[in-house]
C-alpha atoms as a PDB file:
ATOM      1  CA  MET A   1      -0.001   0.014   0.104  1.00  0.00           C
ATOM      2  CA  ASN A   2       2.829   2.386   0.688  1.00  0.00           C
ATOM      3  CA  ASN A   3       4.245   1.699  -2.644  1.00  0.00           C
ATOM      4  CA  LEU A   4       0.815   2.646  -4.226  1.00  0.00           C
ATOM      5  CA  PHE A   5       0.569   5.711  -2.401  1.00  0.00           C
ATOM      6  CA  GLY A   6       4.215   6.581  -3.011  1.00  0.00           C
ATOM      7  CA  ILE A   7       3.460   7.063  -6.885  1.00  0.00           C
ATOM      8  CA  ILE A   8       0.324   9.135  -6.141  1.00  0.00           C
ATOM      9  CA  PRO A   9       0.950  12.954  -6.162  1.00  0.00           C
ATOM     10  CA  PRO A  10       0.477  14.739  -2.940  1.00  0.00           C
ATOM     11  CA  PRO A  11      -2.913  16.441  -3.764  1.00  0.00           C
ATOM     12  CA  ILE A  12      -4.491  13.035  -4.627  1.00  0.00           C
ATOM     13  CA  TYR A  13      -2.828  11.399  -1.649  1.00  0.00           C
ATOM     14  CA  ASN A  14      -4.478  13.876   0.642  1.00  0.00           C
ATOM     15  CA  ILE A  15      -7.921  13.280  -0.936  1.00  0.00           C
ATOM     16  CA  SER A  16      -7.467   9.524  -0.727  1.00  0.00           C
ATOM     17  CA  SER A  17      -6.380   9.919   2.781  1.00  0.00           C
ATOM     18  CA  ILE A  18      -9.428  11.812   3.794  1.00  0.00           C
ATOM     19  CA  TYR A  19     -11.742   9.464   1.681  1.00  0.00           C
ATOM     20  CA  PHE A  20     -10.066   6.390   3.463  1.00  0.00           C
ATOM     21  CA  PHE A  21     -10.389   8.190   6.876  1.00  0.00           C
ATOM     22  CA  SER A  22     -14.141   8.906   6.280  1.00  0.00           C
ATOM     23  CA  ILE A  23     -14.685   5.150   5.550  1.00  0.00           C
ATOM     24  CA  THR A  24     -12.749   4.192   8.671  1.00  0.00           C
ATOM     25  CA  LYS A  25     -14.702   6.552  10.688  1.00  0.00           C
ATOM     26  CA  ASN A  26     -17.976   5.182   9.487  1.00  0.00           C
END
């Protein structure tokens, strides 16, 4: 997973992080 996020640009990583956090919170 670290590798996958490593190739994703910072902006996209931020959105993905928030999106994933939202699911985890739910």
